[in-house]
Amino acid sequence: MIPRPSYRVVQWASGNIGARTLRAVVEHPRLTLAGLYVHTPAKAGSDAGELCGLDATGIIATRDIDEITALGADCVLYTPRACDFDEVCRLLASGANVVTTRGEFHRAGSLDPAVRRRVEAACDRGRTSIHGTGSSPGFITEALPLVLTSIQRRLDGLTIDEFADLSRRDSPGLLFEVMGFGKPPAEFDERRLSVVRDSFGPSLRLVADTLSLRLDSVEATGEVATAPRPVHIAAGVLPAGTVAAQRITVEGLRDGRPVLRFRAHWYCTTDLGPAWDLRPTGWHVTVDGDAPLDVDIRFPVPLDRMAATSPSYTANRAVNAVPFVCAAPPGIRTTADLPQIVAVLGPS
């Protein structure tokens, strides 16, 4: 058997997702941790193992990007809360491929043209590639739809319903400030819709491009349901009359009809006004074509453990993509550009 190559990997950021990818790299049979970049000053100087719950690795966290680019790593796992295109271009130009869980790189054509030119120029200089992936968007909006449509010869519509019960998620900042739960319904505005449209719209367009399906536009709509009485959740209290559930729909339209649809149902209680038909946390995918499909994917994890488990759904696909991105031609590489991502789970 021909030995498979190994890769030297840098982890960029060690937050919720980054700590999970960091741990996966350390434990991976064919990845070697080459470096760790952190944003928090208190983390600088710490051993990487300390930051992901493992024994010491000998790799010390740094906040110096020059130290990172000097490592000559094969790949950087880029998982910060916000994307810095200057950082990304420096990494790519230095000769390091990039796999990121950021949402900006799911489809090259969805980037600002000037930004796209900068990133592609950096890839040309470094002979490197960059790929954006994760669970949602990513696996559920790109990889799985492309597999399911591989047995179709006619596609009338594909709908992805995402359900997330957030009642046991002890993250007040995320739920109340970022997502807008516990606020008056009138505060659910266009800004919230645009964030979701910009996150999931590129995936829908990528699937359409890959299947040679024409889309006239990608639109987002939203609705909320309120708590008829105060609701106590792990993150705090939802006052009566405030947002307790939200449904945001992103649709790829052709001739006024939705061809591709992603619909998020995020809720903190099932006691709602008006009542909604909600499923447990997971995904439900329906394919309307000449080979119709109805696929239900549930996360068999107790709600009080979901916050600890859910980062794996995003982090693991990024780690598994590293060998494929390192082998790809230079440029922005999408799910459609790469081979099917196959995990390496053992040493052979």
Protein backbone atom coordinates (compact mmCIF):
# COMPACT_ATOMS: atom_id res chain seq x y z
CA MET A 1 0.00 0.00 0.00
CA ILE A 2 1.31 3.45 -0.93
CA PRO A 3 1.71 5.57 2.24
CA ARG A 4 -0.67 8.49 2.43
CA PRO A 5 0.94 11.90 3.00
CA SER A 6 0.83 13.71 6.31
CA TYR A 7 0.30 17.45 6.72
CA ARG A 8 1.59 20.14 9.07
CA VAL A 9 -1.34 22.25 10.23
CA VAL A 10 -1.68 25.56 12.07
CA GLN A 11 -4.78 26.27 14.12
CA TRP A 12 -5.93 29.91 13.89
CA ALA A 13 -8.06 30.87 16.93
CA SER A 14 -9.07 28.66 19.85
CA GLY A 15 -12.66 29.63 20.59
CA ASN A 16 -15.72 27.40 20.52
CA ILE A 17 -15.01 25.86 17.10
CA GLY A 18 -11.26 26.43 17.12
CA ALA A 19 -10.71 24.46 20.31
CA ARG A 20 -12.51 21.52 18.71
CA THR A 21 -10.49 21.65 15.47
CA LEU A 22 -7.32 22.08 17.52
CA ARG A 23 -8.01 18.94 19.51
CA ALA A 24 -8.89 17.03 16.32
CA VAL A 25 -5.59 18.00 14.70
CA VAL A 26 -3.57 16.90 17.73
CA GLU A 27 -5.35 13.55 17.78
CA HIS A 28 -5.39 13.01 13.99
CA PRO A 29 -3.23 10.13 12.71
CA ARG A 30 -1.93 12.07 9.69
CA LEU A 31 -2.00 15.69 10.78
CA THR A 32 0.75 17.32 12.85
CA LEU A 33 0.14 20.53 14.77
CA ALA A 34 2.72 23.06 13.59
CA GLY A 35 1.49 26.20 15.33
CA LEU A 36 -1.35 27.99 17.09
CA TYR A 37 -2.51 31.59 16.67
CA VAL A 38 -4.72 33.13 19.37
CA HIS A 39 -6.48 36.48 19.65
CA THR A 40 -6.75 36.70 23.45
CA PRO A 41 -3.61 38.08 25.12
CA ALA A 42 -4.10 35.81 28.15
CA LYS A 43 -3.85 32.73 25.91
CA ALA A 44 -0.55 33.73 24.32
CA GLY A 45 2.29 31.64 25.73
CA SER A 46 -0.01 28.76 26.65
CA ASP A 47 0.59 25.24 25.40
CA ALA A 48 -1.89 24.20 22.71
CA GLY A 49 -2.88 21.13 24.68
CA GLU A 50 -3.90 23.29 27.63
CA LEU A 51 -6.31 25.23 25.40
CA CYS A 52 -8.14 22.15 24.12
CA GLY A 53 -8.16 19.86 27.15
CA LEU A 54 -5.22 17.64 26.18
CA ASP A 55 -1.73 17.00 27.52
CA ALA A 56 1.08 19.37 26.60
CA THR A 57 2.02 19.35 22.92
CA GLY A 58 5.09 21.59 22.95
CA ILE A 59 3.33 24.00 20.58
CA ILE A 60 3.03 27.42 22.20
CA ALA A 61 0.25 29.84 21.27
CA THR A 62 1.29 33.11 19.65
CA ARG A 63 -0.30 36.37 18.56
CA ASP A 64 2.44 37.09 16.01
CA ILE A 65 1.35 36.38 12.44
CA ASP A 66 4.97 36.53 11.28
CA GLU A 67 5.72 33.52 13.47
CA ILE A 68 2.85 31.66 11.84
CA THR A 69 3.80 32.46 8.24
CA ALA A 70 7.42 31.48 8.95
CA LEU A 71 6.41 27.94 9.95
CA GLY A 72 5.99 26.71 6.39
CA ALA A 73 2.83 24.81 7.34
CA ASP A 74 0.83 22.98 4.71
CA CYS A 75 -2.51 24.32 5.92
CA VAL A 76 -4.11 26.75 8.34
CA LEU A 77 -7.46 25.93 9.95
CA TYR A 78 -8.94 29.45 10.11
CA THR A 79 -11.80 29.60 12.62
CA PRO A 80 -12.09 33.13 14.05
CA ARG A 81 -15.37 34.90 14.87
CA ALA A 82 -14.81 37.40 12.06
CA CYS A 83 -12.95 37.16 8.79
CA ASP A 84 -9.95 39.43 8.23
CA PHE A 85 -9.15 39.34 4.51
CA ASP A 86 -5.71 40.87 5.12
CA GLU A 87 -4.85 37.91 7.38
CA VAL A 88 -6.26 35.40 4.92
CA CYS A 89 -4.29 36.85 2.02
CA ARG A 90 -1.05 36.87 4.04
CA LEU A 91 -1.53 33.22 4.95
CA LEU A 92 -2.28 32.18 1.38
CA ALA A 93 0.58 34.19 -0.09
CA SER A 94 2.99 32.63 2.43
CA GLY A 95 2.38 29.18 0.95
CA ALA A 96 -0.19 27.88 3.46
CA ASN A 97 -3.49 26.50 2.20
CA VAL A 98 -6.52 27.58 4.25
CA VAL A 99 -9.59 25.66 5.38
CA THR A 100 -12.07 27.92 7.13
CA THR A 101 -15.39 27.63 8.93
CA ARG A 102 -16.06 31.25 8.08
CA GLY A 103 -18.94 31.68 5.63
CA GLU A 104 -17.32 34.04 3.14
CA PHE A 105 -15.76 31.41 0.89
CA HIS A 106 -18.57 28.98 0.08
CA ARG A 107 -18.87 30.46 -3.42
CA ALA A 108 -16.26 32.63 -5.10
CA GLY A 109 -18.85 34.51 -7.14
CA SER A 110 -20.59 35.72 -3.97
CA LEU A 111 -17.52 37.61 -2.77
CA ASP A 112 -17.09 41.30 -3.43
CA PRO A 113 -15.23 41.38 -6.78
CA ALA A 114 -12.31 43.39 -5.37
CA VAL A 115 -11.93 41.00 -2.42
CA ARG A 116 -12.12 38.01 -4.74
CA ARG A 117 -9.33 39.42 -6.89
CA ARG A 118 -7.13 39.96 -3.81
CA VAL A 119 -7.71 36.44 -2.50
CA GLU A 120 -7.12 34.82 -5.89
CA ALA A 121 -3.92 36.85 -6.35
CA ALA A 122 -2.70 35.64 -2.95
CA CYS A 123 -3.48 32.05 -3.96
CA ASP A 124 -1.49 32.54 -7.17
CA ARG A 125 1.52 33.92 -5.25
CA GLY A 126 1.53 31.12 -2.70
CA ARG A 127 0.32 28.34 -5.05
CA THR A 128 -2.38 27.69 -2.46
CA SER A 129 -6.10 27.13 -2.16
CA ILE A 130 -8.82 28.14 0.30
CA HIS A 131 -12.04 26.31 1.10
CA GLY A 132 -14.97 27.27 3.32
CA THR A 133 -16.99 24.53 4.97
CA GLY A 134 -18.85 23.48 8.09
CA SER A 135 -22.14 21.88 8.99
CA SER A 136 -24.68 24.62 8.24
CA PRO A 137 -23.91 26.18 5.84
CA GLY A 138 -21.70 23.50 4.34
CA PHE A 139 -22.54 19.86 4.81
CA ILE A 140 -26.32 20.22 4.94
CA THR A 141 -26.63 22.95 2.29
CA GLU A 142 -24.02 21.72 -0.20
CA ALA A 143 -22.54 18.24 0.29
CA LEU A 144 -25.78 16.42 1.10
CA PRO A 145 -27.94 18.16 -1.56
CA LEU A 146 -25.37 17.31 -4.25
CA VAL A 147 -25.43 13.65 -3.17
CA LEU A 148 -29.24 13.51 -3.05
CA THR A 149 -29.65 15.11 -6.47
CA SER A 150 -27.19 12.61 -7.96
CA ILE A 151 -30.12 10.19 -8.34
CA GLN A 152 -32.42 12.75 -9.97
CA ARG A 153 -32.99 13.55 -13.63
CA ARG A 154 -35.64 16.14 -12.85
CA LEU A 155 -35.59 18.46 -9.85
CA ASP A 156 -38.73 20.43 -9.08
CA GLY A 157 -37.60 21.56 -5.65
CA LEU A 158 -35.28 20.83 -2.75
CA THR A 159 -36.01 22.06 0.77
CA ILE A 160 -33.72 21.91 3.80
CA ASP A 161 -35.46 22.48 7.13
CA GLU A 162 -33.16 23.08 10.09
CA PHE A 163 -34.56 22.74 13.61
CA ALA A 164 -32.73 23.92 16.72
CA ASP A 165 -34.20 23.76 20.21
CA LEU A 166 -32.20 26.37 22.11
CA SER A 167 -34.03 26.13 25.42
CA ARG A 168 -31.05 24.54 27.21
CA ARG A 169 -28.38 26.67 25.53
CA ASP A 170 -26.82 28.72 28.34
CA SER A 171 -25.58 31.54 26.09
CA PRO A 172 -27.43 34.76 26.93
CA GLY A 173 -25.27 36.88 24.65
CA LEU A 174 -25.94 34.65 21.65
CA LEU A 175 -29.66 34.17 22.21
CA PHE A 176 -30.72 37.60 23.49
CA GLU A 177 -28.26 39.97 21.83
CA VAL A 178 -27.25 38.25 18.58
CA MET A 179 -30.36 36.23 17.73
CA GLY A 180 -32.95 38.57 19.23
CA PHE A 181 -34.88 36.16 21.44
CA GLY A 182 -36.73 37.85 24.30
CA LYS A 183 -37.16 41.07 22.30
CA PRO A 184 -40.38 42.60 20.95
CA PRO A 185 -41.39 41.14 17.56
CA ALA A 186 -41.05 44.58 15.96
CA GLU A 187 -37.28 44.41 16.51
CA PHE A 188 -36.99 41.43 14.15
CA ASP A 189 -35.83 43.43 11.15
CA GLU A 190 -34.17 43.33 7.74
CA ARG A 191 -30.71 43.19 9.32
CA ARG A 192 -31.46 39.76 10.76
CA LEU A 193 -32.78 38.55 7.41
CA SER A 194 -29.77 39.87 5.51
CA VAL A 195 -27.35 38.06 7.83
CA VAL A 196 -29.03 34.71 7.18
CA ARG A 197 -29.43 35.40 3.44
CA ASP A 198 -25.73 36.26 3.17
CA SER A 199 -24.81 33.11 5.13
CA PHE A 200 -26.93 30.58 3.23
CA GLY A 201 -27.56 32.25 -0.12
CA PRO A 202 -24.09 31.41 -1.51
CA SER A 203 -24.64 27.71 -0.74
CA LEU A 204 -27.93 27.68 -2.63
CA ARG A 205 -26.34 29.45 -5.57
CA LEU A 206 -23.43 27.01 -5.52
CA VAL A 207 -25.78 24.03 -5.69
CA ALA A 208 -27.70 25.70 -8.53
CA ASP A 209 -24.47 26.46 -10.41
CA THR A 210 -23.26 22.88 -10.01
CA LEU A 211 -26.56 21.40 -11.20
CA SER A 212 -26.83 23.93 -14.08
CA LEU A 213 -30.07 25.27 -12.62
CA ARG A 214 -30.94 28.88 -13.39
CA LEU A 215 -31.88 31.05 -10.41
CA ASP A 216 -33.39 34.46 -10.98
CA SER A 217 -32.77 35.63 -7.41
CA VAL A 218 -32.17 34.55 -3.83
CA GLU A 219 -34.61 36.05 -1.34
CA ALA A 220 -35.04 35.89 2.42
CA THR A 221 -38.21 36.16 4.49
CA GLY A 222 -38.79 35.77 8.20
CA GLU A 223 -41.46 35.36 10.81
CA VAL A 224 -41.55 35.03 14.57
CA ALA A 225 -43.74 33.48 17.21
CA THR A 226 -44.01 34.84 20.73
CA ALA A 227 -44.23 33.40 24.21
CA PRO A 228 -47.83 33.64 25.49
CA ARG A 229 -46.47 33.61 29.06
CA PRO A 230 -43.02 34.02 30.64
CA VAL A 231 -40.69 31.17 29.70
CA HIS A 232 -37.66 30.17 31.76
CA ILE A 233 -34.79 28.81 29.65
CA ALA A 234 -31.15 28.10 30.49
CA ALA A 235 -30.05 31.52 29.24
CA GLY A 236 -32.64 33.48 31.25
CA VAL A 237 -36.31 34.47 30.96
CA LEU A 238 -38.35 35.24 27.85
CA PRO A 239 -41.04 37.75 28.91
CA ALA A 240 -44.58 37.16 27.69
CA GLY A 241 -45.17 38.64 24.24
CA THR A 242 -41.50 38.52 23.18
CA VAL A 243 -39.80 36.48 20.47
CA ALA A 244 -39.58 32.81 21.47
CA ALA A 245 -39.16 31.27 18.00
CA GLN A 246 -38.05 32.47 14.60
CA ARG A 247 -38.35 30.96 11.15
CA ILE A 248 -36.13 32.39 8.43
CA THR A 249 -36.44 31.16 4.86
CA VAL A 250 -33.83 31.67 2.14
CA GLU A 251 -35.05 30.70 -1.32
CA GLY A 252 -33.48 30.42 -4.73
CA LEU A 253 -36.27 31.48 -7.12
CA ARG A 254 -36.83 30.72 -10.79
CA ASP A 255 -39.85 32.14 -12.61
CA GLY A 256 -41.26 33.13 -9.22
CA ARG A 257 -41.07 29.58 -7.79
CA PRO A 258 -38.65 28.32 -5.13
CA VAL A 259 -36.30 25.72 -6.59
CA LEU A 260 -33.90 25.55 -3.64
CA ARG A 261 -34.91 26.46 -0.11
CA PHE A 262 -33.21 26.62 3.29
CA ARG A 263 -35.57 27.19 6.20
CA ALA A 264 -34.30 27.66 9.75
CA HIS A 265 -36.62 26.99 12.68
CA TRP A 266 -34.83 28.22 15.81
CA TYR A 267 -36.89 28.10 18.99
CA CYS A 268 -36.66 28.31 22.77
CA THR A 269 -40.03 26.72 23.56
CA THR A 270 -42.80 24.87 21.75
CA ASP A 271 -45.45 26.82 23.70
CA LEU A 272 -45.92 29.52 21.10
CA GLY A 273 -48.41 32.02 19.78
CA PRO A 274 -49.24 31.18 17.06
CA ALA A 275 -48.52 27.45 17.40
CA TRP A 276 -45.84 26.06 15.08
CA ASP A 277 -45.20 22.52 13.90
CA LEU A 278 -41.67 21.95 15.21
CA ARG A 279 -39.35 18.95 15.18
CA PRO A 280 -36.50 18.04 17.53
CA THR A 281 -33.05 19.46 16.81
CA GLY A 282 -31.80 18.25 13.43
CA TRP A 283 -32.43 18.52 9.71
CA HIS A 284 -35.25 17.46 7.40
CA VAL A 285 -34.52 17.41 3.67
CA THR A 286 -37.16 16.84 1.00
CA VAL A 287 -36.42 16.40 -2.68
CA ASP A 288 -39.25 16.82 -5.18
CA GLY A 289 -38.19 15.27 -8.47
CA ASP A 290 -38.50 12.13 -10.53
CA ALA A 291 -36.91 10.21 -7.61
CA PRO A 292 -38.59 11.88 -4.58
CA LEU A 293 -36.83 11.71 -1.21
CA ASP A 294 -37.68 12.53 2.40
CA VAL A 295 -34.65 12.47 4.70
CA ASP A 296 -34.80 13.06 8.46
CA ILE A 297 -31.54 13.63 10.36
CA ARG A 298 -31.75 14.07 14.12
CA PHE A 299 -29.04 14.76 16.66
CA PRO A 300 -29.39 12.05 19.35
CA VAL A 301 -27.93 14.27 22.05
CA PRO A 302 -29.68 15.46 25.24
CA LEU A 303 -30.35 19.18 25.06
CA ASP A 304 -28.19 19.91 28.10
CA ARG A 305 -25.23 18.37 26.24
CA MET A 306 -25.93 19.92 22.86
CA ALA A 307 -23.72 23.00 23.39
CA ALA A 308 -20.77 20.73 24.19
CA THR A 309 -21.43 18.38 21.26
CA SER A 310 -22.58 20.65 18.44
CA PRO A 311 -19.14 22.20 17.63
CA SER A 312 -18.07 18.80 16.30
CA TYR A 313 -20.62 19.00 13.49
CA THR A 314 -18.87 22.10 12.16
CA ALA A 315 -15.26 21.47 13.19
CA ASN A 316 -14.84 17.88 12.03
CA ARG A 317 -15.70 18.48 8.39
CA ALA A 318 -13.11 21.28 8.24
CA VAL A 319 -10.42 18.99 9.68
CA ASN A 320 -11.36 16.17 7.32
CA ALA A 321 -11.09 18.55 4.36
CA VAL A 322 -7.42 19.45 4.97
CA PRO A 323 -5.82 16.77 2.72
CA PHE A 324 -8.23 17.55 -0.13
CA VAL A 325 -7.61 21.29 0.03
CA CYS A 326 -3.83 20.80 0.17
CA ALA A 327 -4.06 18.66 -2.99
CA ALA A 328 -6.34 21.10 -4.85
CA PRO A 329 -5.21 23.53 -7.57
CA PRO A 330 -4.62 27.11 -6.41
CA GLY A 331 -7.67 29.29 -5.89
CA ILE A 332 -10.98 29.48 -4.04
CA ARG A 333 -12.19 25.88 -3.96
CA THR A 334 -15.83 25.05 -3.27
CA THR A 335 -17.61 21.85 -2.25
CA ALA A 336 -18.26 21.24 -5.95
CA ASP A 337 -14.57 21.66 -6.83
CA LEU A 338 -13.24 19.14 -4.33
CA PRO A 339 -13.63 15.35 -4.28
CA GLN A 340 -16.05 13.93 -1.74
CA ILE A 341 -14.62 14.60 1.72
CA VAL A 342 -13.71 11.26 3.31
CA ALA A 343 -12.54 11.09 6.91
CA VAL A 344 -9.33 9.39 7.97
CA LEU A 345 -10.22 7.61 11.20
CA GLY A 346 -7.25 5.31 11.64
CA PRO A 347 -3.48 5.11 11.01
CA SER A 348 -3.57 2.93 7.89
